[in-house]
Amino acid sequence: MSSRSCPDWPELMEIAPELQFRHYTVDELHLQAALVGRMPTVPLNGLTICCDPEHHVFNPAHTEPEVVEALTGSHWFSVHEWSQRGPGAAA
């Protein structure tokens, strides 16, 4: 799987030090069909998501708007949700 570290990693480490954010295409992540179905008109190999896939946390600032919309309300957390109300709040 090709990936690259997010250039905002210093700021993200301050918010969620236990996570590692990298940039992926949606295809690389093999998202659930229900999530992919929320993005029916866009080429998934061209959409970028900045995330920690192991923890299901994404950075909306570096994620395509269509992907942010699809992930919102799913089992994925935005990095701010993770740190304020999600599992990362205890850290």
PDB file of N, CA and C in Angstrom:
ATOM      1  N   MET A   1       0.861  -1.175   0.000  1.00  0.00           N
ATOM      2  CA  MET A   1       0.000   0.000   0.000  1.00  0.00           C
ATOM      3  C   MET A   1       0.901   1.230   0.000  1.00  0.00           C
ATOM      4  N   SER A   2       0.712   2.114  -0.948  1.00  0.00           N
ATOM      5  CA  SER A   2       1.523   3.321  -0.958  1.00  0.00           C
ATOM      6  C   SER A   2       0.892   4.347  -0.024  1.00  0.00           C
ATOM      7  N   SER A   3       1.723   5.032   0.689  1.00  0.00           N
ATOM      8  CA  SER A   3       1.234   6.052   1.600  1.00  0.00           C
ATOM      9  C   SER A   3       2.351   7.046   1.851  1.00  0.00           C
ATOM     10  N   ARG A   4       1.983   8.191   2.368  1.00  0.00           N
ATOM     11  CA  ARG A   4       2.987   9.181   2.726  1.00  0.00           C
ATOM     12  C   ARG A   4       2.521   9.932   3.956  1.00  0.00           C
ATOM     13  N   SER A   5       3.495  10.320   4.736  1.00  0.00           N
ATOM     14  CA  SER A   5       3.182  11.046   5.967  1.00  0.00           C
ATOM     15  C   SER A   5       2.548  12.386   5.644  1.00  0.00           C
ATOM     16  N   CYS A   6       1.628  12.783   6.492  1.00  0.00           N
ATOM     17  CA  CYS A   6       0.965  14.067   6.332  1.00  0.00           C
ATOM     18  C   CYS A   6       1.963  15.181   6.664  1.00  0.00           C
ATOM     19  N   PRO A   7       2.038  16.216   5.833  1.00  0.00           N
ATOM     20  CA  PRO A   7       2.951  17.318   6.135  1.00  0.00           C
ATOM     21  C   PRO A   7       2.572  18.083   7.405  1.00  0.00           C
ATOM     22  N   ASP A   8       1.358  17.936   7.879  1.00  0.00           N
ATOM     23  CA  ASP A   8       0.924  18.599   9.117  1.00  0.00           C
ATOM     24  C   ASP A   8       1.148  17.726  10.343  1.00  0.00           C
ATOM     25  N   TRP A   9       2.013  16.708  10.249  1.00  0.00           N
ATOM     26  CA  TRP A   9       2.178  15.773  11.353  1.00  0.00           C
ATOM     27  C   TRP A   9       2.560  16.437  12.669  1.00  0.00           C
ATOM     28  N   PRO A  10       3.354  17.528  12.699  1.00  0.00           N
ATOM     29  CA  PRO A  10       3.648  18.122  14.021  1.00  0.00           C
ATOM     30  C   PRO A  10       2.387  18.619  14.734  1.00  0.00           C
ATOM     31  N   GLU A  11       1.499  19.273  13.979  1.00  0.00           N
ATOM     32  CA  GLU A  11       0.255  19.770  14.581  1.00  0.00           C
ATOM     33  C   GLU A  11      -0.662  18.611  14.974  1.00  0.00           C
ATOM     34  N   LEU A  12      -0.714  17.588  14.125  1.00  0.00           N
ATOM     35  CA  LEU A  12      -1.559  16.432  14.430  1.00  0.00           C
ATOM     36  C   LEU A  12      -1.047  15.676  15.650  1.00  0.00           C
ATOM     37  N   MET A  13       0.268  15.646  15.841  1.00  0.00           N
ATOM     38  CA  MET A  13       0.836  14.983  17.021  1.00  0.00           C
ATOM     39  C   MET A  13       0.434  15.702  18.308  1.00  0.00           C
ATOM     40  N   GLU A  14       0.236  17.007  18.240  1.00  0.00           N
ATOM     41  CA  GLU A  14      -0.225  17.755  19.408  1.00  0.00           C
ATOM     42  C   GLU A  14      -1.674  17.417  19.744  1.00  0.00           C
ATOM     43  N   ILE A  15      -2.482  17.174  18.724  1.00  0.00           N
ATOM     44  CA  ILE A  15      -3.890  16.858  18.933  1.00  0.00           C
ATOM     45  C   ILE A  15      -4.082  15.400  19.332  1.00  0.00           C
ATOM     46  N   ALA A  16      -3.403  14.493  18.622  1.00  0.00           N
ATOM     47  CA  ALA A  16      -3.588  13.052  18.833  1.00  0.00           C
ATOM     48  C   ALA A  16      -2.233  12.340  18.703  1.00  0.00           C
ATOM     49  N   PRO A  17      -1.412  12.401  19.740  1.00  0.00           N
ATOM     50  CA  PRO A  17      -0.049  11.850  19.643  1.00  0.00           C
ATOM     51  C   PRO A  17       0.013  10.344  19.410  1.00  0.00           C
ATOM     52  N   GLU A  18      -1.046   9.622  19.709  1.00  0.00           N
ATOM     53  CA  GLU A  18      -1.048   8.171  19.550  1.00  0.00           C
ATOM     54  C   GLU A  18      -1.361   7.736  18.114  1.00  0.00           C
ATOM     55  N   LEU A  19      -1.686   8.684  17.241  1.00  0.00           N
ATOM     56  CA  LEU A  19      -2.071   8.360  15.871  1.00  0.00           C
ATOM     57  C   LEU A  19      -0.981   8.735  14.875  1.00  0.00           C
ATOM     58  N   GLN A  20      -0.955   8.041  13.741  1.00  0.00           N
ATOM     59  CA  GLN A  20      -0.042   8.362  12.641  1.00  0.00           C
ATOM     60  C   GLN A  20      -0.871   8.633  11.399  1.00  0.00           C
ATOM     61  N   PHE A  21      -0.820   9.857  10.918  1.00  0.00           N
ATOM     62  CA  PHE A  21      -1.606  10.251   9.750  1.00  0.00           C
ATOM     63  C   PHE A  21      -0.763  10.165   8.490  1.00  0.00           C
ATOM     64  N   ARG A  22      -1.316   9.486   7.498  1.00  0.00           N
ATOM     65  CA  ARG A  22      -0.697   9.354   6.189  1.00  0.00           C
ATOM     66  C   ARG A  22      -1.767   9.605   5.134  1.00  0.00           C
ATOM     67  N   HIS A  23      -1.320   9.918   3.939  1.00  0.00           N
ATOM     68  CA  HIS A  23      -2.244  10.160   2.830  1.00  0.00           C
ATOM     69  C   HIS A  23      -2.388   8.897   2.001  1.00  0.00           C
ATOM     70  N   TYR A  24      -3.635   8.521   1.728  1.00  0.00           N
ATOM     71  CA  TYR A  24      -3.982   7.345   0.943  1.00  0.00           C
ATOM     72  C   TYR A  24      -5.014   7.734  -0.097  1.00  0.00           C
ATOM     73  N   THR A  25      -5.186   6.892  -1.096  1.00  0.00           N
ATOM     74  CA  THR A  25      -6.368   7.030  -1.947  1.00  0.00           C
ATOM     75  C   THR A  25      -7.460   6.201  -1.278  1.00  0.00           C
ATOM     76  N   VAL A  26      -8.687   6.501  -1.591  1.00  0.00           N
ATOM     77  CA  VAL A  26      -9.807   5.752  -1.018  1.00  0.00           C
ATOM     78  C   VAL A  26      -9.689   4.271  -1.395  1.00  0.00           C
ATOM     79  N   ASP A  27      -9.284   3.996  -2.631  1.00  0.00           N
ATOM     80  CA  ASP A  27      -9.111   2.603  -3.065  1.00  0.00           C
ATOM     81  C   ASP A  27      -8.121   1.838  -2.187  1.00  0.00           C
ATOM     82  N   GLU A  28      -7.034   2.479  -1.815  1.00  0.00           N
ATOM     83  CA  GLU A  28      -6.018   1.810  -0.997  1.00  0.00           C
ATOM     84  C   GLU A  28      -6.560   1.345   0.349  1.00  0.00           C
ATOM     85  N   LEU A  29      -7.550   2.040   0.861  1.00  0.00           N
ATOM     86  CA  LEU A  29      -8.070   1.727   2.191  1.00  0.00           C
ATOM     87  C   LEU A  29      -9.100   0.606   2.198  1.00  0.00           C
ATOM     88  N   HIS A  30      -9.623   0.252   1.028  1.00  0.00           N
ATOM     89  CA  HIS A  30     -10.638  -0.810   0.945  1.00  0.00           C
ATOM     90  C   HIS A  30     -11.784  -0.539   1.925  1.00  0.00           C
ATOM     91  N   LEU A  31     -12.361   0.644   1.795  1.00  0.00           N
ATOM     92  CA  LEU A  31     -13.462   1.042   2.675  1.00  0.00           C
ATOM     93  C   LEU A  31     -14.679   0.146   2.460  1.00  0.00           C
ATOM     94  N   GLN A  32     -15.518   0.083   3.466  1.00  0.00           N
ATOM     95  CA  GLN A  32     -16.748  -0.707   3.388  1.00  0.00           C
ATOM     96  C   GLN A  32     -17.615  -0.211   2.230  1.00  0.00           C
ATOM     97  N   ALA A  33     -18.350  -1.133   1.639  1.00  0.00           N
ATOM     98  CA  ALA A  33     -19.205  -0.818   0.496  1.00  0.00           C
ATOM     99  C   ALA A  33     -20.206   0.289   0.831  1.00  0.00           C
ATOM    100  N   ALA A  34     -20.699   0.310   2.056  1.00  0.00           N
ATOM    101  CA  ALA A  34     -21.669   1.348   2.441  1.00  0.00           C
ATOM    102  C   ALA A  34     -21.048   2.740   2.355  1.00  0.00           C
ATOM    103  N   LEU A  35     -19.788   2.867   2.721  1.00  0.00           N
ATOM    104  CA  LEU A  35     -19.115   4.162   2.629  1.00  0.00           C
ATOM    105  C   LEU A  35     -18.818   4.523   1.183  1.00  0.00           C
ATOM    106  N   VAL A  36     -18.330   3.561   0.424  1.00  0.00           N
ATOM    107  CA  VAL A  36     -18.034   3.802  -0.983  1.00  0.00           C
ATOM    108  C   VAL A  36     -19.315   4.179  -1.722  1.00  0.00           C
ATOM    109  N   GLY A  37     -20.431   3.594  -1.319  1.00  0.00           N
ATOM    110  CA  GLY A  37     -21.714   3.909  -1.934  1.00  0.00           C
ATOM    111  C   GLY A  37     -22.141   5.347  -1.728  1.00  0.00           C
ATOM    112  N   ARG A  38     -21.588   6.001  -0.729  1.00  0.00           N
ATOM    113  CA  ARG A  38     -21.894   7.416  -0.484  1.00  0.00           C
ATOM    114  C   ARG A  38     -21.104   8.336  -1.408  1.00  0.00           C
ATOM    115  N   MET A  39     -20.203   7.755  -2.208  1.00  0.00           N
ATOM    116  CA  MET A  39     -19.375   8.528  -3.142  1.00  0.00           C
ATOM    117  C   MET A  39     -19.552   7.974  -4.555  1.00  0.00           C
ATOM    118  N   PRO A  40     -20.766   7.847  -5.063  1.00  0.00           N
ATOM    119  CA  PRO A  40     -20.994   7.102  -6.303  1.00  0.00           C
ATOM    120  C   PRO A  40     -20.476   7.749  -7.583  1.00  0.00           C
ATOM    121  N   THR A  41     -20.272   9.034  -7.600  1.00  0.00           N
ATOM    122  CA  THR A  41     -19.929   9.690  -8.854  1.00  0.00           C
ATOM    123  C   THR A  41     -18.481  10.138  -8.940  1.00  0.00           C
ATOM    124  N   VAL A  42     -17.651   9.717  -8.015  1.00  0.00           N
ATOM    125  CA  VAL A  42     -16.265  10.189  -8.009  1.00  0.00           C
ATOM    126  C   VAL A  42     -15.300   9.017  -8.193  1.00  0.00           C
ATOM    127  N   PRO A  43     -14.168   9.243  -8.900  1.00  0.00           N
ATOM    128  CA  PRO A  43     -13.178   8.179  -9.077  1.00  0.00           C
ATOM    129  C   PRO A  43     -12.403   7.958  -7.778  1.00  0.00           C
ATOM    130  N   LEU A  44     -12.568   6.795  -7.189  1.00  0.00           N
ATOM    131  CA  LEU A  44     -12.008   6.538  -5.863  1.00  0.00           C
ATOM    132  C   LEU A  44     -10.485   6.470  -5.853  1.00  0.00           C
ATOM    133  N   ASN A  45      -9.867   6.188  -6.997  1.00  0.00           N
ATOM    134  CA  ASN A  45      -8.413   6.134  -7.011  1.00  0.00           C
ATOM    135  C   ASN A  45      -7.795   7.520  -7.075  1.00  0.00           C
ATOM    136  N   GLY A  46      -8.605   8.558  -7.230  1.00  0.00           N
ATOM    137  CA  GLY A  46      -8.093   9.914  -7.270  1.00  0.00           C
ATOM    138  C   GLY A  46      -8.417  10.713  -6.024  1.00  0.00           C
ATOM    139  N   LEU A  47      -9.269  10.180  -5.162  1.00  0.00           N
ATOM    140  CA  LEU A  47      -9.643  10.904  -3.950  1.00  0.00           C
ATOM    141  C   LEU A  47      -8.656  10.610  -2.837  1.00  0.00           C
ATOM    142  N   THR A  48      -8.269  11.633  -2.142  1.00  0.00           N
ATOM    143  CA  THR A  48      -7.287  11.490  -1.068  1.00  0.00           C
ATOM    144  C   THR A  48      -7.962  11.560   0.287  1.00  0.00           C
ATOM    145  N   ILE A  49      -7.472  10.703   1.178  1.00  0.00           N
ATOM    146  CA  ILE A  49      -7.899  10.745   2.576  1.00  0.00           C
ATOM    147  C   ILE A  49      -6.637  10.740   3.437  1.00  0.00           C
ATOM    148  N   CYS A  50      -6.574  11.679   4.348  1.00  0.00           N
ATOM    149  CA  CYS A  50      -5.481  11.767   5.316  1.00  0.00           C
ATOM    150  C   CYS A  50      -6.017  11.112   6.580  1.00  0.00           C
ATOM    151  N   CYS A  51      -5.405   9.990   6.973  1.00  0.00           N
ATOM    152  CA  CYS A  51      -5.998   9.255   8.078  1.00  0.00           C
ATOM    153  C   CYS A  51      -5.005   8.335   8.785  1.00  0.00           C
ATOM    154  N   ASP A  52      -5.472   7.816   9.902  1.00  0.00           N
ATOM    155  CA  ASP A  52      -4.856   6.689  10.590  1.00  0.00           C
ATOM    156  C   ASP A  52      -5.863   5.557  10.416  1.00  0.00           C
ATOM    157  N   PRO A  53      -5.645   4.686   9.434  1.00  0.00           N
ATOM    158  CA  PRO A  53      -6.658   3.666   9.141  1.00  0.00           C
ATOM    159  C   PRO A  53      -6.848   2.642  10.251  1.00  0.00           C
ATOM    160  N   GLU A  54      -5.838   2.398  11.031  1.00  0.00           N
ATOM    161  CA  GLU A  54      -5.954   1.420  12.122  1.00  0.00           C
ATOM    162  C   GLU A  54      -6.966   1.870  13.164  1.00  0.00           C
ATOM    163  N   HIS A  55      -7.019   3.179  13.414  1.00  0.00           N
ATOM    164  CA  HIS A  55      -7.925   3.728  14.424  1.00  0.00           C
ATOM    165  C   HIS A  55      -9.184   4.356  13.823  1.00  0.00           C
ATOM    166  N   HIS A  56      -9.293   4.361  12.506  1.00  0.00           N
ATOM    167  CA  HIS A  56     -10.442   4.946  11.804  1.00  0.00           C
ATOM    168  C   HIS A  56     -10.621   6.425  12.132  1.00  0.00           C
ATOM    169  N   VAL A  57      -9.505   7.163  12.024  1.00  0.00           N
ATOM    170  CA  VAL A  57      -9.516   8.600  12.306  1.00  0.00           C
ATOM    171  C   VAL A  57      -8.992   9.323  11.067  1.00  0.00           C
ATOM    172  N   PHE A  58      -9.721  10.355  10.618  1.00  0.00           N
ATOM    173  CA  PHE A  58      -9.293  11.111   9.450  1.00  0.00           C
ATOM    174  C   PHE A  58      -9.101  12.580   9.787  1.00  0.00           C
ATOM    175  N   ASN A  59      -8.271  13.224   8.984  1.00  0.00           N
ATOM    176  CA  ASN A  59      -8.010  14.649   9.115  1.00  0.00           C
ATOM    177  C   ASN A  59      -8.803  15.362   8.016  1.00  0.00           C
ATOM    178  N   PRO A  60      -9.905  16.029   8.364  1.00  0.00           N
ATOM    179  CA  PRO A  60     -10.736  16.660   7.337  1.00  0.00           C
ATOM    180  C   PRO A  60     -10.018  17.757   6.562  1.00  0.00           C
ATOM    181  N   ALA A  61      -8.999  18.367   7.146  1.00  0.00           N
ATOM    182  CA  ALA A  61      -8.283  19.437   6.459  1.00  0.00           C
ATOM    183  C   ALA A  61      -7.532  18.928   5.230  1.00  0.00           C
ATOM    184  N   HIS A  62      -7.154  17.659   5.222  1.00  0.00           N
ATOM    185  CA  HIS A  62      -6.404  17.089   4.101  1.00  0.00           C
ATOM    186  C   HIS A  62      -7.156  15.949   3.433  1.00  0.00           C
ATOM    187  N   THR A  63      -8.455  15.933   3.556  1.00  0.00           N
ATOM    188  CA  THR A  63      -9.271  14.881   2.952  1.00  0.00           C
ATOM    189  C   THR A  63     -10.267  15.527   2.004  1.00  0.00           C
ATOM    190  N   GLU A  64     -10.459  14.900   0.858  1.00  0.00           N
ATOM    191  CA  GLU A  64     -11.400  15.429  -0.137  1.00  0.00           C
ATOM    192  C   GLU A  64     -12.784  15.619   0.496  1.00  0.00           C
ATOM    193  N   PRO A  65     -13.463  16.723   0.188  1.00  0.00           N
ATOM    194  CA  PRO A  65     -14.773  17.003   0.788  1.00  0.00           C
ATOM    195  C   PRO A  65     -15.788  15.877   0.618  1.00  0.00           C
ATOM    196  N   GLU A  66     -15.802  15.211  -0.551  1.00  0.00           N
ATOM    197  CA  GLU A  66     -16.746  14.113  -0.761  1.00  0.00           C
ATOM    198  C   GLU A  66     -16.486  12.964   0.208  1.00  0.00           C
ATOM    199  N   VAL A  67     -15.226  12.748   0.506  1.00  0.00           N
ATOM    200  CA  VAL A  67     -14.852  11.675   1.421  1.00  0.00           C
ATOM    201  C   VAL A  67     -15.221  12.057   2.852  1.00  0.00           C
ATOM    202  N   VAL A  68     -14.956  13.297   3.230  1.00  0.00           N
ATOM    203  CA  VAL A  68     -15.334  13.778   4.570  1.00  0.00           C
ATOM    204  C   VAL A  68     -16.828  13.594   4.772  1.00  0.00           C
ATOM    205  N   GLU A  69     -17.615  13.976   3.781  1.00  0.00           N
ATOM    206  CA  GLU A  69     -19.067  13.837   3.880  1.00  0.00           C
ATOM    207  C   GLU A  69     -19.479  12.379   4.059  1.00  0.00           C
ATOM    208  N   ALA A  70     -18.843  11.490   3.312  1.00  0.00           N
ATOM    209  CA  ALA A  70     -19.178  10.061   3.403  1.00  0.00           C
ATOM    210  C   ALA A  70     -18.775   9.471   4.748  1.00  0.00           C
ATOM    211  N   LEU A  71     -17.648   9.903   5.289  1.00  0.00           N
ATOM    212  CA  LEU A  71     -17.165   9.341   6.547  1.00  0.00           C
ATOM    213  C   LEU A  71     -17.897   9.898   7.766  1.00  0.00           C
ATOM    214  N   THR A  72     -18.413  11.116   7.649  1.00  0.00           N
ATOM    215  CA  THR A  72     -19.118  11.743   8.762  1.00  0.00           C
ATOM    216  C   THR A  72     -20.354  10.922   9.116  1.00  0.00           C
ATOM    217  N   GLY A  73     -20.485  10.600  10.367  1.00  0.00           N
ATOM    218  CA  GLY A  73     -21.618   9.812  10.829  1.00  0.00           C
ATOM    219  C   GLY A  73     -21.402   8.313  10.718  1.00  0.00           C
ATOM    220  N   SER A  74     -20.225   7.909  10.276  1.00  0.00           N
ATOM    221  CA  SER A  74     -19.917   6.480  10.188  1.00  0.00           C
ATOM    222  C   SER A  74     -19.089   6.084  11.417  1.00  0.00           C
ATOM    223  N   HIS A  75     -18.428   4.952  11.342  1.00  0.00           N
ATOM    224  CA  HIS A  75     -17.571   4.511  12.442  1.00  0.00           C
ATOM    225  C   HIS A  75     -16.211   5.215  12.432  1.00  0.00           C
ATOM    226  N   TRP A  76     -15.988   6.094  11.461  1.00  0.00           N
ATOM    227  CA  TRP A  76     -14.769   6.887  11.396  1.00  0.00           C
ATOM    228  C   TRP A  76     -14.952   8.159  12.237  1.00  0.00           C
ATOM    229  N   PHE A  77     -13.858   8.636  12.810  1.00  0.00           N
ATOM    230  CA  PHE A  77     -13.837   9.870  13.593  1.00  0.00           C
ATOM    231  C   PHE A  77     -13.011  10.914  12.858  1.00  0.00           C
ATOM    232  N   SER A  78     -13.406  12.173  12.933  1.00  0.00           N
ATOM    233  CA  SER A  78     -12.473  13.228  12.517  1.00  0.00           C
ATOM    234  C   SER A  78     -11.460  13.344  13.660  1.00  0.00           C
ATOM    235  N   VAL A  79     -10.296  13.868  13.374  1.00  0.00           N
ATOM    236  CA  VAL A  79      -9.259  13.959  14.400  1.00  0.00           C
ATOM    237  C   VAL A  79      -9.738  14.789  15.596  1.00  0.00           C
ATOM    238  N   HIS A  80     -10.570  15.789  15.345  1.00  0.00           N
ATOM    239  CA  HIS A  80     -11.069  16.629  16.444  1.00  0.00           C
ATOM    240  C   HIS A  80     -12.098  15.877  17.287  1.00  0.00           C
ATOM    241  N   GLU A  81     -12.960  15.088  16.652  1.00  0.00           N
ATOM    242  CA  GLU A  81     -13.896  14.228  17.403  1.00  0.00           C
ATOM    243  C   GLU A  81     -13.112  13.247  18.275  1.00  0.00           C
ATOM    244  N   TRP A  82     -12.109  12.626  17.684  1.00  0.00           N
ATOM    245  CA  TRP A  82     -11.288  11.632  18.372  1.00  0.00           C
ATOM    246  C   TRP A  82     -10.700  12.222  19.656  1.00  0.00           C
ATOM    247  N   SER A  83     -10.150  13.423  19.551  1.00  0.00           N
ATOM    248  CA  SER A  83      -9.462  14.018  20.695  1.00  0.00           C
ATOM    249  C   SER A  83     -10.399  14.627  21.718  1.00  0.00           C
ATOM    250  N   GLN A  84     -11.610  15.030  21.316  1.00  0.00           N
ATOM    251  CA  GLN A  84     -12.519  15.709  22.235  1.00  0.00           C
ATOM    252  C   GLN A  84     -13.600  14.813  22.813  1.00  0.00           C
ATOM    253  N   ARG A  85     -14.160  13.904  21.970  1.00  0.00           N
ATOM    254  CA  ARG A  85     -15.287  13.099  22.432  1.00  0.00           C
ATOM    255  C   ARG A  85     -15.119  11.610  22.183  1.00  0.00           C
ATOM    256  N   GLY A  86     -14.155  11.247  21.377  1.00  0.00           N
ATOM    257  CA  GLY A  86     -13.961   9.847  21.017  1.00  0.00           C
ATOM    258  C   GLY A  86     -12.975   9.151  21.930  1.00  0.00           C
ATOM    259  N   PRO A  87     -12.477   8.011  21.483  1.00  0.00           N
ATOM    260  CA  PRO A  87     -11.531   7.232  22.288  1.00  0.00           C
ATOM    261  C   PRO A  87     -10.260   7.984  22.641  1.00  0.00           C
ATOM    262  N   GLY A  88      -9.871   8.956  21.845  1.00  0.00           N
ATOM    263  CA  GLY A  88      -8.663   9.723  22.132  1.00  0.00           C
ATOM    264  C   GLY A  88      -8.827  10.738  23.244  1.00  0.00           C
ATOM    265  N   ALA A  89     -10.041  10.997  23.684  1.00  0.00           N
ATOM    266  CA  ALA A  89     -10.283  11.981  24.746  1.00  0.00           C
ATOM    267  C   ALA A  89      -9.656  11.563  26.066  1.00  0.00           C
ATOM    268  N   ALA A  90      -9.513  10.261  26.268  1.00  0.00           N
ATOM    269  CA  ALA A  90      -8.926   9.771  27.508  1.00  0.00           C
ATOM    270  C   ALA A  90      -7.412   9.899  27.514  1.00  0.00           C
ATOM    271  N   ALA A  91      -6.805  10.097  26.356  1.00  0.00           N
ATOM    272  CA  ALA A  91      -5.349  10.166  26.265  1.00  0.00           C
ATOM    273  C   ALA A  91      -4.815  11.483  26.793  1.00  0.00           C
TER     274      ALA A  91
END
